[in-house]
């Protein structure tokens, strides 16, 4: 995959144009060598996942993937639950508002964990 030259996000906000060498998947922005090192030393970002810029999907694909996990009722909320009774995925706001009386509302992360456990077991 060819790498499109990307400018470091923190440097750009400081009006410098420094080439990015890594990508923070949490902050969703490229980082230069210095900012990459700083990112690992700052308490709030020390556990962020960094990857090579070559491994970052194109912006269009990132937006498409994000749209697949967005709640249809609350665009800024991620799907986090599955209501087995209604066979729908929903965000935490929908789970509270529309599915609080349902008997089987499960976290998607728990379901994925259980599937992995079964596959390994």
PDB file of N, CA and C in Angstrom:
ATOM      1  N   UNK A   1       0.848  -1.180   0.000  1.00  0.00           N
ATOM      2  CA  UNK A   1       0.000   0.000   0.000  1.00  0.00           C
ATOM      3  C   UNK A   1       0.891   1.241   0.000  1.00  0.00           C
ATOM      4  N   UNK A   2       0.634   2.165  -0.885  1.00  0.00           N
ATOM      5  CA  UNK A   2       1.443   3.377  -0.932  1.00  0.00           C
ATOM      6  C   UNK A   2       1.018   4.327   0.180  1.00  0.00           C
ATOM      7  N   UNK A   3       2.016   5.022   0.705  1.00  0.00           N
ATOM      8  CA  UNK A   3       1.749   5.923   1.820  1.00  0.00           C
ATOM      9  C   UNK A   3       1.663   7.343   1.300  1.00  0.00           C
ATOM     10  N   UNK A   4       0.533   7.985   1.527  1.00  0.00           N
ATOM     11  CA  UNK A   4       0.364   9.393   1.189  1.00  0.00           C
ATOM     12  C   UNK A   4       1.046  10.187   2.294  1.00  0.00           C
ATOM     13  N   UNK A   5       1.839  11.168   1.918  1.00  0.00           N
ATOM     14  CA  UNK A   5       2.557  11.970   2.902  1.00  0.00           C
ATOM     15  C   UNK A   5       1.561  12.668   3.819  1.00  0.00           C
ATOM     16  N   UNK A   6       1.741  12.476   5.122  1.00  0.00           N
ATOM     17  CA  UNK A   6       0.826  13.081   6.090  1.00  0.00           C
ATOM     18  C   UNK A   6       1.623  13.938   7.062  1.00  0.00           C
ATOM     19  N   UNK A   7       1.036  15.057   7.419  1.00  0.00           N
ATOM     20  CA  UNK A   7       1.682  16.020   8.306  1.00  0.00           C
ATOM     21  C   UNK A   7       1.281  15.720   9.749  1.00  0.00           C
ATOM     22  N   UNK A   8       2.205  15.891  10.660  1.00  0.00           N
ATOM     23  CA  UNK A   8       1.979  15.667  12.103  1.00  0.00           C
ATOM     24  C   UNK A   8       0.878  16.612  12.603  1.00  0.00           C
ATOM     25  N   UNK A   9      -0.152  16.051  13.228  1.00  0.00           N
ATOM     26  CA  UNK A   9      -1.278  16.835  13.734  1.00  0.00           C
ATOM     27  C   UNK A   9      -0.900  17.862  14.785  1.00  0.00           C
ATOM     28  N   UNK A  10      -0.203  17.444  15.867  1.00  0.00           N
ATOM     29  CA  UNK A  10       0.172  18.421  16.891  1.00  0.00           C
ATOM     30  C   UNK A  10       1.077  19.535  16.359  1.00  0.00           C
ATOM     31  N   UNK A  11       2.013  19.199  15.489  1.00  0.00           N
ATOM     32  CA  UNK A  11       2.899  20.223  14.921  1.00  0.00           C
ATOM     33  C   UNK A  11       2.110  21.193  14.043  1.00  0.00           C
ATOM     34  N   UNK A  12       1.166  20.656  13.268  1.00  0.00           N
ATOM     35  CA  UNK A  12       0.368  21.504  12.389  1.00  0.00           C
ATOM     36  C   UNK A  12      -0.458  22.508  13.191  1.00  0.00           C
ATOM     37  N   UNK A  13      -0.973  22.075  14.349  1.00  0.00           N
ATOM     38  CA  UNK A  13      -1.715  23.016  15.204  1.00  0.00           C
ATOM     39  C   UNK A  13      -0.797  24.101  15.748  1.00  0.00           C
ATOM     40  N   UNK A  14       0.492  23.804  15.818  1.00  0.00           N
ATOM     41  CA  UNK A  14       1.476  24.803  16.246  1.00  0.00           C
ATOM     42  C   UNK A  14       2.092  25.531  15.063  1.00  0.00           C
ATOM     43  N   UNK A  15       1.497  25.416  13.897  1.00  0.00           N
ATOM     44  CA  UNK A  15       1.885  26.055  12.637  1.00  0.00           C
ATOM     45  C   UNK A  15       3.192  25.527  12.033  1.00  0.00           C
ATOM     46  N   UNK A  16       3.635  24.332  12.416  1.00  0.00           N
ATOM     47  CA  UNK A  16       4.785  23.685  11.779  1.00  0.00           C
ATOM     48  C   UNK A  16       4.264  22.584  10.868  1.00  0.00           C
ATOM     49  N   UNK A  17       4.964  22.334   9.775  1.00  0.00           N
ATOM     50  CA  UNK A  17       4.592  21.233   8.899  1.00  0.00           C
ATOM     51  C   UNK A  17       5.686  20.179   8.962  1.00  0.00           C
ATOM     52  N   UNK A  18       5.535  19.233   9.870  1.00  0.00           N
ATOM     53  CA  UNK A  18       6.497  18.159  10.073  1.00  0.00           C
ATOM     54  C   UNK A  18       5.889  16.870   9.545  1.00  0.00           C
ATOM     55  N   UNK A  19       6.685  16.085   8.827  1.00  0.00           N
ATOM     56  CA  UNK A  19       6.186  14.825   8.283  1.00  0.00           C
ATOM     57  C   UNK A  19       5.853  13.841   9.393  1.00  0.00           C
ATOM     58  N   UNK A  20       4.696  13.207   9.291  1.00  0.00           N
ATOM     59  CA  UNK A  20       4.299  12.174  10.228  1.00  0.00           C
ATOM     60  C   UNK A  20       5.040  10.886   9.956  1.00  0.00           C
ATOM     61  N   UNK A  21       5.337  10.129  11.022  1.00  0.00           N
ATOM     62  CA  UNK A  21       6.003   8.826  10.889  1.00  0.00           C
ATOM     63  C   UNK A  21       5.171   7.713  11.510  1.00  0.00           C
ATOM     64  N   UNK A  22       4.223   8.090  12.358  1.00  0.00           N
ATOM     65  CA  UNK A  22       3.363   7.114  13.028  1.00  0.00           C
ATOM     66  C   UNK A  22       1.950   7.678  13.063  1.00  0.00           C
ATOM     67  N   UNK A  23       1.004   6.818  13.451  1.00  0.00           N
ATOM     68  CA  UNK A  23      -0.393   7.226  13.514  1.00  0.00           C
ATOM     69  C   UNK A  23      -0.976   6.752  14.834  1.00  0.00           C
ATOM     70  N   UNK A  24      -1.630   7.651  15.572  1.00  0.00           N
ATOM     71  CA  UNK A  24      -2.300   7.290  16.817  1.00  0.00           C
ATOM     72  C   UNK A  24      -3.740   6.933  16.468  1.00  0.00           C
ATOM     73  N   UNK A  25      -4.116   5.681  16.753  1.00  0.00           N
ATOM     74  CA  UNK A  25      -5.464   5.232  16.413  1.00  0.00           C
ATOM     75  C   UNK A  25      -6.517   5.814  17.343  1.00  0.00           C
ATOM     76  N   UNK A  26      -6.116   6.262  18.519  1.00  0.00           N
ATOM     77  CA  UNK A  26      -7.058   6.864  19.467  1.00  0.00           C
ATOM     78  C   UNK A  26      -7.315   8.321  19.100  1.00  0.00           C
ATOM     79  N   UNK A  27      -6.251   9.080  18.902  1.00  0.00           N
ATOM     80  CA  UNK A  27      -6.374  10.500  18.526  1.00  0.00           C
ATOM     81  C   UNK A  27      -6.735  10.669  17.049  1.00  0.00           C
ATOM     82  N   UNK A  28      -6.511   9.633  16.281  1.00  0.00           N
ATOM     83  CA  UNK A  28      -6.787   9.617  14.844  1.00  0.00           C
ATOM     84  C   UNK A  28      -6.027  10.722  14.123  1.00  0.00           C
ATOM     85  N   UNK A  29      -4.696  10.746  14.359  1.00  0.00           N
ATOM     86  CA  UNK A  29      -3.868  11.712  13.656  1.00  0.00           C
ATOM     87  C   UNK A  29      -2.427  11.227  13.557  1.00  0.00           C
ATOM     88  N   UNK A  30      -1.725  11.695  12.501  1.00  0.00           N
ATOM     89  CA  UNK A  30      -0.314  11.346  12.341  1.00  0.00           C
ATOM     90  C   UNK A  30       0.543  12.072  13.369  1.00  0.00           C
ATOM     91  N   UNK A  31       1.692  11.480  13.683  1.00  0.00           N
ATOM     92  CA  UNK A  31       2.647  12.066  14.630  1.00  0.00           C
ATOM     93  C   UNK A  31       4.048  12.015  14.033  1.00  0.00           C
ATOM     94  N   UNK A  32       4.839  13.079  14.240  1.00  0.00           N
ATOM     95  CA  UNK A  32       6.240  13.077  13.839  1.00  0.00           C
ATOM     96  C   UNK A  32       7.036  12.313  14.905  1.00  0.00           C
ATOM     97  N   UNK A  33       8.340  12.155  14.696  1.00  0.00           N
ATOM     98  CA  UNK A  33       9.167  11.421  15.661  1.00  0.00           C
ATOM     99  C   UNK A  33       9.093  12.020  17.063  1.00  0.00           C
ATOM    100  N   UNK A  34       9.235  13.350  17.165  1.00  0.00           N
ATOM    101  CA  UNK A  34       9.228  13.988  18.476  1.00  0.00           C
ATOM    102  C   UNK A  34       7.873  13.844  19.162  1.00  0.00           C
ATOM    103  N   UNK A  35       6.806  14.114  18.421  1.00  0.00           N
ATOM    104  CA  UNK A  35       5.468  14.017  19.017  1.00  0.00           C
ATOM    105  C   UNK A  35       5.126  12.569  19.369  1.00  0.00           C
ATOM    106  N   UNK A  36       5.643  11.626  18.597  1.00  0.00           N
ATOM    107  CA  UNK A  36       5.444  10.202  18.905  1.00  0.00           C
ATOM    108  C   UNK A  36       6.070   9.881  20.260  1.00  0.00           C
ATOM    109  N   UNK A  37       7.282  10.375  20.485  1.00  0.00           N
ATOM    110  CA  UNK A  37       7.954  10.153  21.775  1.00  0.00           C
ATOM    111  C   UNK A  37       7.195  10.839  22.908  1.00  0.00           C
ATOM    112  N   UNK A  38       6.786  12.083  22.674  1.00  0.00           N
ATOM    113  CA  UNK A  38       6.031  12.827  23.691  1.00  0.00           C
ATOM    114  C   UNK A  38       4.710  12.126  24.004  1.00  0.00           C
ATOM    115  N   UNK A  39       4.062  11.594  22.985  1.00  0.00           N
ATOM    116  CA  UNK A  39       2.784  10.902  23.139  1.00  0.00           C
ATOM    117  C   UNK A  39       2.912   9.734  24.123  1.00  0.00           C
ATOM    118  N   UNK A  40       4.038   9.044  24.059  1.00  0.00           N
ATOM    119  CA  UNK A  40       4.282   7.906  24.944  1.00  0.00           C
ATOM    120  C   UNK A  40       4.644   8.307  26.370  1.00  0.00           C
ATOM    121  N   UNK A  41       5.057   9.570  26.559  1.00  0.00           N
ATOM    122  CA  UNK A  41       5.458  10.036  27.901  1.00  0.00           C
ATOM    123  C   UNK A  41       4.338  10.753  28.647  1.00  0.00           C
ATOM    124  N   UNK A  42       3.340  11.246  27.923  1.00  0.00           N
ATOM    125  CA  UNK A  42       2.248  11.986  28.549  1.00  0.00           C
ATOM    126  C   UNK A  42       1.244  10.998  29.128  1.00  0.00           C
ATOM    127  N   UNK A  43       0.873  11.205  30.378  1.00  0.00           N
ATOM    128  CA  UNK A  43       0.028  10.252  31.097  1.00  0.00           C
ATOM    129  C   UNK A  43      -1.274   9.909  30.375  1.00  0.00           C
ATOM    130  N   UNK A  44      -1.970  10.905  29.847  1.00  0.00           N
ATOM    131  CA  UNK A  44      -3.274  10.639  29.216  1.00  0.00           C
ATOM    132  C   UNK A  44      -3.146   9.893  27.886  1.00  0.00           C
ATOM    133  N   UNK A  45      -1.976   9.932  27.265  1.00  0.00           N
ATOM    134  CA  UNK A  45      -1.828   9.268  25.963  1.00  0.00           C
ATOM    135  C   UNK A  45      -0.806   8.133  25.964  1.00  0.00           C
ATOM    136  N   UNK A  46      -0.242   7.808  27.125  1.00  0.00           N
ATOM    137  CA  UNK A  46       0.823   6.797  27.159  1.00  0.00           C
ATOM    138  C   UNK A  46       0.358   5.402  26.736  1.00  0.00           C
ATOM    139  N   UNK A  47      -0.930   5.108  26.832  1.00  0.00           N
ATOM    140  CA  UNK A  47      -1.435   3.793  26.454  1.00  0.00           C
ATOM    141  C   UNK A  47      -2.147   3.788  25.108  1.00  0.00           C
ATOM    142  N   UNK A  48      -2.075   4.896  24.384  1.00  0.00           N
ATOM    143  CA  UNK A  48      -2.678   4.952  23.053  1.00  0.00           C
ATOM    144  C   UNK A  48      -1.945   3.988  22.116  1.00  0.00           C
ATOM    145  N   UNK A  49      -2.680   3.466  21.164  1.00  0.00           N
ATOM    146  CA  UNK A  49      -2.109   2.537  20.182  1.00  0.00           C
ATOM    147  C   UNK A  49      -1.552   3.326  19.010  1.00  0.00           C
ATOM    148  N   UNK A  50      -0.267   3.113  18.722  1.00  0.00           N
ATOM    149  CA  UNK A  50       0.370   3.751  17.581  1.00  0.00           C
ATOM    150  C   UNK A  50       0.669   2.686  16.538  1.00  0.00           C
ATOM    151  N   UNK A  51       0.553   3.076  15.274  1.00  0.00           N
ATOM    152  CA  UNK A  51       0.888   2.144  14.199  1.00  0.00           C
ATOM    153  C   UNK A  51       1.627   2.894  13.105  1.00  0.00           C
ATOM    154  N   UNK A  52       2.173   2.140  12.177  1.00  0.00           N
ATOM    155  CA  UNK A  52       2.880   2.698  11.047  1.00  0.00           C
ATOM    156  C   UNK A  52       1.873   3.389  10.129  1.00  0.00           C
ATOM    157  N   UNK A  53       2.269   4.505   9.546  1.00  0.00           N
ATOM    158  CA  UNK A  53       1.363   5.234   8.647  1.00  0.00           C
ATOM    159  C   UNK A  53       0.924   4.372   7.461  1.00  0.00           C
ATOM    160  N   UNK A  54       1.766   3.429   7.039  1.00  0.00           N
ATOM    161  CA  UNK A  54       1.429   2.563   5.911  1.00  0.00           C
ATOM    162  C   UNK A  54       0.252   1.647   6.234  1.00  0.00           C
ATOM    163  N   UNK A  55       0.005   1.395   7.520  1.00  0.00           N
ATOM    164  CA  UNK A  55      -1.073   0.502   7.935  1.00  0.00           C
ATOM    165  C   UNK A  55      -2.406   1.215   8.144  1.00  0.00           C
ATOM    166  N   UNK A  56      -2.428   2.525   7.976  1.00  0.00           N
ATOM    167  CA  UNK A  56      -3.645   3.307   8.204  1.00  0.00           C
ATOM    168  C   UNK A  56      -4.512   3.273   6.948  1.00  0.00           C
ATOM    169  N   UNK A  57      -5.775   2.846   7.083  1.00  0.00           N
ATOM    170  CA  UNK A  57      -6.647   2.839   5.901  1.00  0.00           C
ATOM    171  C   UNK A  57      -6.913   4.262   5.409  1.00  0.00           C
ATOM    172  N   UNK A  58      -7.230   4.410   4.129  1.00  0.00           N
ATOM    173  CA  UNK A  58      -7.537   5.748   3.603  1.00  0.00           C
ATOM    174  C   UNK A  58      -8.695   6.383   4.368  1.00  0.00           C
ATOM    175  N   UNK A  59      -8.747   7.713   4.364  1.00  0.00           N
ATOM    176  CA  UNK A  59      -9.757   8.473   5.103  1.00  0.00           C
ATOM    177  C   UNK A  59     -11.176   8.042   4.746  1.00  0.00           C
ATOM    178  N   UNK A  60     -11.422   7.782   3.452  1.00  0.00           N
ATOM    179  CA  UNK A  60     -12.766   7.371   3.025  1.00  0.00           C
ATOM    180  C   UNK A  60     -13.168   6.063   3.700  1.00  0.00           C
ATOM    181  N   UNK A  61     -12.215   5.126   3.785  1.00  0.00           N
ATOM    182  CA  UNK A  61     -12.503   3.837   4.406  1.00  0.00           C
ATOM    183  C   UNK A  61     -12.716   3.998   5.907  1.00  0.00           C
ATOM    184  N   UNK A  62     -11.926   4.858   6.550  1.00  0.00           N
ATOM    185  CA  UNK A  62     -12.094   5.115   7.983  1.00  0.00           C
ATOM    186  C   UNK A  62     -13.487   5.666   8.260  1.00  0.00           C
ATOM    187  N   UNK A  63     -13.939   6.593   7.426  1.00  0.00           N
ATOM    188  CA  UNK A  63     -15.265   7.189   7.608  1.00  0.00           C
ATOM    189  C   UNK A  63     -16.366   6.154   7.383  1.00  0.00           C
ATOM    190  N   UNK A  64     -16.163   5.279   6.402  1.00  0.00           N
ATOM    191  CA  UNK A  64     -17.149   4.225   6.139  1.00  0.00           C
ATOM    192  C   UNK A  64     -17.226   3.256   7.327  1.00  0.00           C
ATOM    193  N   UNK A  65     -16.071   2.846   7.838  1.00  0.00           N
ATOM    194  CA  UNK A  65     -16.052   1.941   8.992  1.00  0.00           C
ATOM    195  C   UNK A  65     -16.712   2.586  10.207  1.00  0.00           C
ATOM    196  N   UNK A  66     -16.453   3.877  10.408  1.00  0.00           N
ATOM    197  CA  UNK A  66     -17.058   4.599  11.527  1.00  0.00           C
ATOM    198  C   UNK A  66     -18.581   4.660  11.378  1.00  0.00           C
ATOM    199  N   UNK A  67     -19.046   4.838  10.144  1.00  0.00           N
ATOM    200  CA  UNK A  67     -20.491   4.911   9.914  1.00  0.00           C
ATOM    201  C   UNK A  67     -21.166   3.564  10.214  1.00  0.00           C
ATOM    202  N   UNK A  68     -20.447   2.474  10.024  1.00  0.00           N
ATOM    203  CA  UNK A  68     -21.010   1.148  10.302  1.00  0.00           C
ATOM    204  C   UNK A  68     -21.220   0.904  11.795  1.00  0.00           C
ATOM    205  N   UNK A  69     -20.447   1.591  12.622  1.00  0.00           N
ATOM    206  CA  UNK A  69     -20.567   1.403  14.069  1.00  0.00           C
ATOM    207  C   UNK A  69     -21.320   2.539  14.752  1.00  0.00           C
ATOM    208  N   UNK A  70     -21.811   3.504  13.969  1.00  0.00           N
ATOM    209  CA  UNK A  70     -22.542   4.636  14.544  1.00  0.00           C
ATOM    210  C   UNK A  70     -24.004   4.263  14.757  1.00  0.00           C
ATOM    211  N   UNK A  71     -24.564   4.726  15.847  1.00  0.00           N
ATOM    212  CA  UNK A  71     -25.976   4.499  16.144  1.00  0.00           C
ATOM    213  C   UNK A  71     -26.827   5.254  15.119  1.00  0.00           C
ATOM    214  N   UNK A  72     -27.832   4.603  14.538  1.00  0.00           N
ATOM    215  CA  UNK A  72     -28.670   5.303  13.561  1.00  0.00           C
ATOM    216  C   UNK A  72     -29.497   6.437  14.173  1.00  0.00           C
ATOM    217  N   UNK A  73     -29.741   6.372  15.487  1.00  0.00           N
ATOM    218  CA  UNK A  73     -30.521   7.416  16.162  1.00  0.00           C
ATOM    219  C   UNK A  73     -29.659   8.520  16.759  1.00  0.00           C
ATOM    220  N   UNK A  74     -28.418   8.182  17.103  1.00  0.00           N
ATOM    221  CA  UNK A  74     -27.494   9.136  17.732  1.00  0.00           C
ATOM    222  C   UNK A  74     -26.152   9.025  17.007  1.00  0.00           C
ATOM    223  N   UNK A  75     -25.952   9.828  15.977  1.00  0.00           N
ATOM    224  CA  UNK A  75     -24.784   9.707  15.087  1.00  0.00           C
ATOM    225  C   UNK A  75     -23.439   9.811  15.803  1.00  0.00           C
ATOM    226  N   UNK A  76     -23.377  10.488  16.932  1.00  0.00           N
ATOM    227  CA  UNK A  76     -22.115  10.631  17.660  1.00  0.00           C
ATOM    228  C   UNK A  76     -21.878   9.516  18.672  1.00  0.00           C
ATOM    229  N   UNK A  77     -22.810   8.573  18.757  1.00  0.00           N
ATOM    230  CA  UNK A  77     -22.694   7.458  19.699  1.00  0.00           C
ATOM    231  C   UNK A  77     -22.365   6.176  18.940  1.00  0.00           C
ATOM    232  N   UNK A  78     -21.495   5.350  19.538  1.00  0.00           N
ATOM    233  CA  UNK A  78     -21.150   4.064  18.936  1.00  0.00           C
ATOM    234  C   UNK A  78     -22.107   2.989  19.404  1.00  0.00           C
ATOM    235  N   UNK A  79     -22.364   2.041  18.523  1.00  0.00           N
ATOM    236  CA  UNK A  79     -23.166   0.883  18.905  1.00  0.00           C
ATOM    237  C   UNK A  79     -22.398   0.105  19.964  1.00  0.00           C
ATOM    238  N   UNK A  80     -23.050  -0.212  21.072  1.00  0.00           N
ATOM    239  CA  UNK A  80     -22.365  -0.882  22.173  1.00  0.00           C
ATOM    240  C   UNK A  80     -23.140  -2.080  22.713  1.00  0.00           C
ATOM    241  N   UNK A  81     -24.418  -2.184  22.393  1.00  0.00           N
ATOM    242  CA  UNK A  81     -25.282  -3.226  22.960  1.00  0.00           C
ATOM    243  C   UNK A  81     -26.028  -3.990  21.875  1.00  0.00           C
ATOM    244  N   UNK A  82     -26.439  -5.197  22.226  1.00  0.00           N
ATOM    245  CA  UNK A  82     -27.333  -5.991  21.398  1.00  0.00           C
ATOM    246  C   UNK A  82     -28.540  -6.357  22.245  1.00  0.00           C
ATOM    247  N   UNK A  83     -29.715  -5.981  21.770  1.00  0.00           N
ATOM    248  CA  UNK A  83     -30.951  -6.400  22.422  1.00  0.00           C
ATOM    249  C   UNK A  83     -31.400  -7.665  21.705  1.00  0.00           C
ATOM    250  N   UNK A  84     -31.285  -8.795  22.389  1.00  0.00           N
ATOM    251  CA  UNK A  84     -31.658 -10.069  21.768  1.00  0.00           C
ATOM    252  C   UNK A  84     -33.170 -10.168  21.569  1.00  0.00           C
ATOM    253  N   UNK A  85     -33.913  -9.533  22.430  1.00  0.00           N
ATOM    254  CA  UNK A  85     -35.369  -9.566  22.329  1.00  0.00           C
ATOM    255  C   UNK A  85     -35.867  -8.926  21.027  1.00  0.00           C
ATOM    256  N   UNK A  86     -35.243  -7.791  20.639  1.00  0.00           N
ATOM    257  CA  UNK A  86     -35.634  -7.082  19.422  1.00  0.00           C
ATOM    258  C   UNK A  86     -34.663  -7.332  18.264  1.00  0.00           C
ATOM    259  N   UNK A  87     -33.583  -8.057  18.517  1.00  0.00           N
ATOM    260  CA  UNK A  87     -32.568  -8.372  17.519  1.00  0.00           C
ATOM    261  C   UNK A  87     -32.022  -7.107  16.841  1.00  0.00           C
ATOM    262  N   UNK A  88     -31.618  -6.124  17.684  1.00  0.00           N
ATOM    263  CA  UNK A  88     -31.044  -4.875  17.178  1.00  0.00           C
ATOM    264  C   UNK A  88     -29.830  -4.488  18.008  1.00  0.00           C
ATOM    265  N   UNK A  89     -28.902  -3.797  17.355  1.00  0.00           N
ATOM    266  CA  UNK A  89     -27.789  -3.201  18.081  1.00  0.00           C
ATOM    267  C   UNK A  89     -28.180  -1.768  18.416  1.00  0.00           C
ATOM    268  N   UNK A  90     -27.606  -1.251  19.505  1.00  0.00           N
ATOM    269  CA  UNK A  90     -27.950   0.106  19.917  1.00  0.00           C
ATOM    270  C   UNK A  90     -26.828   0.717  20.748  1.00  0.00           C
ATOM    271  N   UNK A  91     -26.870   2.025  20.886  1.00  0.00           N
ATOM    272  CA  UNK A  91     -25.907   2.736  21.731  1.00  0.00           C
ATOM    273  C   UNK A  91     -26.417   2.729  23.174  1.00  0.00           C
ATOM    274  N   UNK A  92     -25.648   3.287  24.078  1.00  0.00           N
ATOM    275  CA  UNK A  92     -26.055   3.294  25.488  1.00  0.00           C
ATOM    276  C   UNK A  92     -27.302   4.150  25.713  1.00  0.00           C
ATOM    277  N   UNK A  93     -27.448   5.225  24.945  1.00  0.00           N
ATOM    278  CA  UNK A  93     -28.644   6.071  25.096  1.00  0.00           C
ATOM    279  C   UNK A  93     -29.900   5.307  24.687  1.00  0.00           C
ATOM    280  N   UNK A  94     -29.826   4.595  23.553  1.00  0.00           N
ATOM    281  CA  UNK A  94     -30.976   3.802  23.091  1.00  0.00           C
ATOM    282  C   UNK A  94     -31.256   2.642  24.046  1.00  0.00           C
ATOM    283  N   UNK A  95     -30.199   2.039  24.585  1.00  0.00           N
ATOM    284  CA  UNK A  95     -30.381   0.914  25.506  1.00  0.00           C
ATOM    285  C   UNK A  95     -31.177   1.364  26.727  1.00  0.00           C
ATOM    286  N   UNK A  96     -30.868   2.548  27.244  1.00  0.00           N
ATOM    287  CA  UNK A  96     -31.574   3.068  28.415  1.00  0.00           C
ATOM    288  C   UNK A  96     -32.995   3.497  28.048  1.00  0.00           C
ATOM    289  N   UNK A  97     -33.131   4.195  26.948  1.00  0.00           N
ATOM    290  CA  UNK A  97     -34.442   4.750  26.575  1.00  0.00           C
ATOM    291  C   UNK A  97     -35.408   3.703  26.027  1.00  0.00           C
ATOM    292  N   UNK A  98     -34.905   2.784  25.199  1.00  0.00           N
ATOM    293  CA  UNK A  98     -35.803   1.885  24.484  1.00  0.00           C
ATOM    294  C   UNK A  98     -35.761   0.418  24.920  1.00  0.00           C
ATOM    295  N   UNK A  99     -34.713   0.027  25.628  1.00  0.00           N
ATOM    296  CA  UNK A  99     -34.543  -1.402  25.921  1.00  0.00           C
ATOM    297  C   UNK A  99     -34.294  -1.706  27.405  1.00  0.00           C
ATOM    298  N   UNK A 100     -34.577  -0.759  28.277  1.00  0.00           N
ATOM    299  CA  UNK A 100     -34.286  -0.979  29.696  1.00  0.00           C
ATOM    300  C   UNK A 100     -35.155  -2.084  30.300  1.00  0.00           C
ATOM    301  N   UNK A 101     -36.317  -2.352  29.722  1.00  0.00           N
ATOM    302  CA  UNK A 101     -37.187  -3.409  30.247  1.00  0.00           C
ATOM    303  C   UNK A 101     -36.965  -4.749  29.550  1.00  0.00           C
ATOM    304  N   UNK A 102     -36.119  -4.769  28.534  1.00  0.00           N
ATOM    305  CA  UNK A 102     -35.845  -6.017  27.811  1.00  0.00           C
ATOM    306  C   UNK A 102     -35.001  -6.939  28.685  1.00  0.00           C
ATOM    307  N   UNK A 103     -35.239  -8.228  28.575  1.00  0.00           N
ATOM    308  CA  UNK A 103     -34.565  -9.203  29.439  1.00  0.00           C
ATOM    309  C   UNK A 103     -33.125  -9.487  29.029  1.00  0.00           C
ATOM    310  N   UNK A 104     -32.829  -9.440  27.716  1.00  0.00           N
ATOM    311  CA  UNK A 104     -31.481  -9.763  27.276  1.00  0.00           C
ATOM    312  C   UNK A 104     -30.867  -8.649  26.442  1.00  0.00           C
ATOM    313  N   UNK A 105     -30.250  -7.704  27.136  1.00  0.00           N
ATOM    314  CA  UNK A 105     -29.482  -6.651  26.491  1.00  0.00           C
ATOM    315  C   UNK A 105     -28.040  -6.869  26.932  1.00  0.00           C
ATOM    316  N   UNK A 106     -27.165  -7.150  25.957  1.00  0.00           N
ATOM    317  CA  UNK A 106     -25.780  -7.491  26.278  1.00  0.00           C
ATOM    318  C   UNK A 106     -24.820  -6.540  25.592  1.00  0.00           C
ATOM    319  N   UNK A 107     -23.688  -6.328  26.250  1.00  0.00           N
ATOM    320  CA  UNK A 107     -22.618  -5.537  25.650  1.00  0.00           C
ATOM    321  C   UNK A 107     -22.044  -6.295  24.463  1.00  0.00           C
ATOM    322  N   UNK A 108     -21.825  -5.617  23.355  1.00  0.00           N
ATOM    323  CA  UNK A 108     -21.225  -6.260  22.187  1.00  0.00           C
ATOM    324  C   UNK A 108     -19.835  -6.795  22.512  1.00  0.00           C
ATOM    325  N   UNK A 109     -19.084  -6.069  23.332  1.00  0.00           N
ATOM    326  CA  UNK A 109     -17.733  -6.526  23.695  1.00  0.00           C
ATOM    327  C   UNK A 109     -17.790  -7.842  24.472  1.00  0.00           C
ATOM    328  N   UNK A 110     -18.810  -8.026  25.330  1.00  0.00           N
ATOM    329  CA  UNK A 110     -18.965  -9.286  26.055  1.00  0.00           C
ATOM    330  C   UNK A 110     -19.312 -10.425  25.099  1.00  0.00           C
ATOM    331  N   UNK A 111     -20.152 -10.136  24.125  1.00  0.00           N
ATOM    332  CA  UNK A 111     -20.536 -11.159  23.143  1.00  0.00           C
ATOM    333  C   UNK A 111     -19.315 -11.585  22.343  1.00  0.00           C
ATOM    334  N   UNK A 112     -18.504 -10.609  21.903  1.00  0.00           N
ATOM    335  CA  UNK A 112     -17.285 -10.930  21.160  1.00  0.00           C
ATOM    336  C   UNK A 112     -16.316 -11.728  22.014  1.00  0.00           C
ATOM    337  N   UNK A 113     -16.201 -11.357  23.278  1.00  0.00           N
ATOM    338  CA  UNK A 113     -15.321 -12.088  24.196  1.00  0.00           C
ATOM    339  C   UNK A 113     -15.784 -13.537  24.330  1.00  0.00           C
ATOM    340  N   UNK A 114     -17.091 -13.748  24.480  1.00  0.00           N
ATOM    341  CA  UNK A 114     -17.645 -15.094  24.605  1.00  0.00           C
ATOM    342  C   UNK A 114     -17.408 -15.911  23.336  1.00  0.00           C
ATOM    343  N   UNK A 115     -17.537 -15.269  22.174  1.00  0.00           N
ATOM    344  CA  UNK A 115     -17.306 -15.971  20.907  1.00  0.00           C
ATOM    345  C   UNK A 115     -15.852 -16.405  20.806  1.00  0.00           C
ATOM    346  N   UNK A 116     -14.932 -15.500  21.176  1.00  0.00           N
ATOM    347  CA  UNK A 116     -13.504 -15.858  21.145  1.00  0.00           C
ATOM    348  C   UNK A 116     -13.216 -16.992  22.108  1.00  0.00           C
ATOM    349  N   UNK A 117     -13.833 -16.951  23.295  1.00  0.00           N
ATOM    350  CA  UNK A 117     -13.626 -17.975  24.312  1.00  0.00           C
ATOM    351  C   UNK A 117     -14.102 -19.331  23.809  1.00  0.00           C
ATOM    352  N   UNK A 118     -15.252 -19.348  23.162  1.00  0.00           N
ATOM    353  CA  UNK A 118     -15.807 -20.598  22.608  1.00  0.00           C
ATOM    354  C   UNK A 118     -14.895 -21.127  21.501  1.00  0.00           C
ATOM    355  N   UNK A 119     -14.401 -20.219  20.647  1.00  0.00           N
ATOM    356  CA  UNK A 119     -13.541 -20.636  19.549  1.00  0.00           C
ATOM    357  C   UNK A 119     -12.224 -21.211  20.044  1.00  0.00           C
ATOM    358  N   UNK A 120     -11.703 -20.676  21.144  1.00  0.00           N
ATOM    359  CA  UNK A 120     -10.446 -21.177  21.706  1.00  0.00           C
ATOM    360  C   UNK A 120     -10.639 -22.444  22.522  1.00  0.00           C
ATOM    361  N   UNK A 121     -11.829 -22.570  23.125  1.00  0.00           N
ATOM    362  CA  UNK A 121     -12.101 -23.639  24.073  1.00  0.00           C
ATOM    363  C   UNK A 121     -12.291 -24.948  23.424  1.00  0.00           C
TER     364      UNK A 121
END
